[in-house]
């Protein structure tokens, strides 16, 4: 292996790693932009539905098991 081939391999590996770093940084920037401005669609809000139910409300909606 002569010096020209070794220099070409070294320069190629350095440029490959630099391009990989640039691609990763670009993916991170795009991900941060999406995360900042993307608003998920909400089909149902949790505040519209009660979290706690009283025993009386449970008794109204509870069905007795049917025996065939």
C-alpha atoms as a PDB file:
ATOM      1  CA  UNK A   1       0.000   0.000   0.000  1.00  0.00           C
ATOM      2  CA  UNK A   2       1.470   3.305  -0.983  1.00  0.00           C
ATOM      3  CA  UNK A   3       0.949   6.695   0.621  1.00  0.00           C
ATOM      4  CA  UNK A   4      -1.628   7.868  -1.927  1.00  0.00           C
ATOM      5  CA  UNK A   5      -3.933   4.922  -1.260  1.00  0.00           C
ATOM      6  CA  UNK A   6      -3.589   5.310   2.515  1.00  0.00           C
ATOM      7  CA  UNK A   7      -4.364   9.031   2.273  1.00  0.00           C
ATOM      8  CA  UNK A   8      -7.422   8.319   0.120  1.00  0.00           C
ATOM      9  CA  UNK A   9      -8.730   5.727   2.597  1.00  0.00           C
ATOM     10  CA  UNK A  10      -8.136   8.083   5.544  1.00  0.00           C
ATOM     11  CA  UNK A  11      -9.835  11.016   3.816  1.00  0.00           C
ATOM     12  CA  UNK A  12     -12.754   8.803   2.768  1.00  0.00           C
ATOM     13  CA  UNK A  13     -13.297   7.484   6.278  1.00  0.00           C
ATOM     14  CA  UNK A  14     -13.120  10.990   7.777  1.00  0.00           C
ATOM     15  CA  UNK A  15     -15.615  12.340   5.227  1.00  0.00           C
ATOM     16  CA  UNK A  16     -17.916   9.353   5.771  1.00  0.00           C
ATOM     17  CA  UNK A  17     -18.003   9.933   9.541  1.00  0.00           C
ATOM     18  CA  UNK A  18     -18.570  13.675   9.080  1.00  0.00           C
ATOM     19  CA  UNK A  19     -21.480  13.013   6.716  1.00  0.00           C
ATOM     20  CA  UNK A  20     -22.943  10.516   9.201  1.00  0.00           C
ATOM     21  CA  UNK A  21     -22.699  13.133  11.976  1.00  0.00           C
ATOM     22  CA  UNK A  22     -24.423  15.719   9.758  1.00  0.00           C
ATOM     23  CA  UNK A  23     -27.246  13.272   8.950  1.00  0.00           C
ATOM     24  CA  UNK A  24     -27.769  12.441  12.647  1.00  0.00           C
ATOM     25  CA  UNK A  25     -27.836  16.135  13.588  1.00  0.00           C
ATOM     26  CA  UNK A  26     -30.356  16.766  10.789  1.00  0.00           C
ATOM     27  CA  UNK A  27     -32.601  13.955  12.057  1.00  0.00           C
ATOM     28  CA  UNK A  28     -32.434  15.364  15.595  1.00  0.00           C
ATOM     29  CA  UNK A  29     -33.320  18.884  14.384  1.00  0.00           C
ATOM     30  CA  UNK A  30     -36.275  17.613  12.322  1.00  0.00           C
ATOM     31  CA  UNK A  31     -37.473  15.515  15.269  1.00  0.00           C
ATOM     32  CA  UNK A  32     -37.331  18.545  17.587  1.00  0.00           C
ATOM     33  CA  UNK A  33     -39.277  20.672  15.095  1.00  0.00           C
ATOM     34  CA  UNK A  34     -41.979  18.003  14.787  1.00  0.00           C
ATOM     35  CA  UNK A  35     -42.144  17.611  18.549  1.00  0.00           C
ATOM     36  CA  UNK A  36     -42.526  21.359  19.089  1.00  0.00           C
ATOM     37  CA  UNK A  37     -45.194  22.069  16.476  1.00  0.00           C
ATOM     38  CA  UNK A  38     -47.034  18.736  16.113  1.00  0.00           C
ATOM     39  CA  UNK A  39     -50.357  18.751  17.926  1.00  0.00           C
ATOM     40  CA  UNK A  40     -51.920  15.301  18.275  1.00  0.00           C
ATOM     41  CA  UNK A  41     -55.555  14.850  17.382  1.00  0.00           C
ATOM     42  CA  UNK A  42     -57.631  14.212  20.476  1.00  0.00           C
ATOM     43  CA  UNK A  43     -60.760  12.156  19.867  1.00  0.00           C
ATOM     44  CA  UNK A  44     -61.748  12.188  23.499  1.00  0.00           C
ATOM     45  CA  UNK A  45     -60.598  14.453  26.293  1.00  0.00           C
ATOM     46  CA  UNK A  46     -60.106  12.948  29.718  1.00  0.00           C
ATOM     47  CA  UNK A  47     -61.558  16.047  31.387  1.00  0.00           C
ATOM     48  CA  UNK A  48     -64.912  15.429  29.695  1.00  0.00           C
ATOM     49  CA  UNK A  49     -65.275  12.074  31.419  1.00  0.00           C
ATOM     50  CA  UNK A  50     -65.434  11.625  35.183  1.00  0.00           C
ATOM     51  CA  UNK A  51     -62.522   9.788  36.717  1.00  0.00           C
ATOM     52  CA  UNK A  52     -64.232   8.841  39.976  1.00  0.00           C
ATOM     53  CA  UNK A  53     -67.674   7.283  40.155  1.00  0.00           C
ATOM     54  CA  UNK A  54     -69.730   7.084  43.331  1.00  0.00           C
ATOM     55  CA  UNK A  55     -71.243   3.824  44.559  1.00  0.00           C
ATOM     56  CA  UNK A  56     -74.726   5.072  43.701  1.00  0.00           C
ATOM     57  CA  UNK A  57     -73.719   5.705  40.095  1.00  0.00           C
ATOM     58  CA  UNK A  58     -72.156   2.264  39.927  1.00  0.00           C
ATOM     59  CA  UNK A  59     -75.294   0.656  41.311  1.00  0.00           C
ATOM     60  CA  UNK A  60     -77.409   2.371  38.651  1.00  0.00           C
ATOM     61  CA  UNK A  61     -75.302   1.035  35.790  1.00  0.00           C
ATOM     62  CA  UNK A  62     -74.472  -2.411  37.124  1.00  0.00           C
ATOM     63  CA  UNK A  63     -76.309  -5.267  35.475  1.00  0.00           C
ATOM     64  CA  UNK A  64     -77.167  -8.458  37.276  1.00  0.00           C
ATOM     65  CA  UNK A  65     -75.672 -11.601  35.723  1.00  0.00           C
ATOM     66  CA  UNK A  66     -78.128 -13.560  33.633  1.00  0.00           C
ATOM     67  CA  UNK A  67     -78.453 -17.294  34.215  1.00  0.00           C
ATOM     68  CA  UNK A  68     -79.744 -19.319  31.287  1.00  0.00           C
END
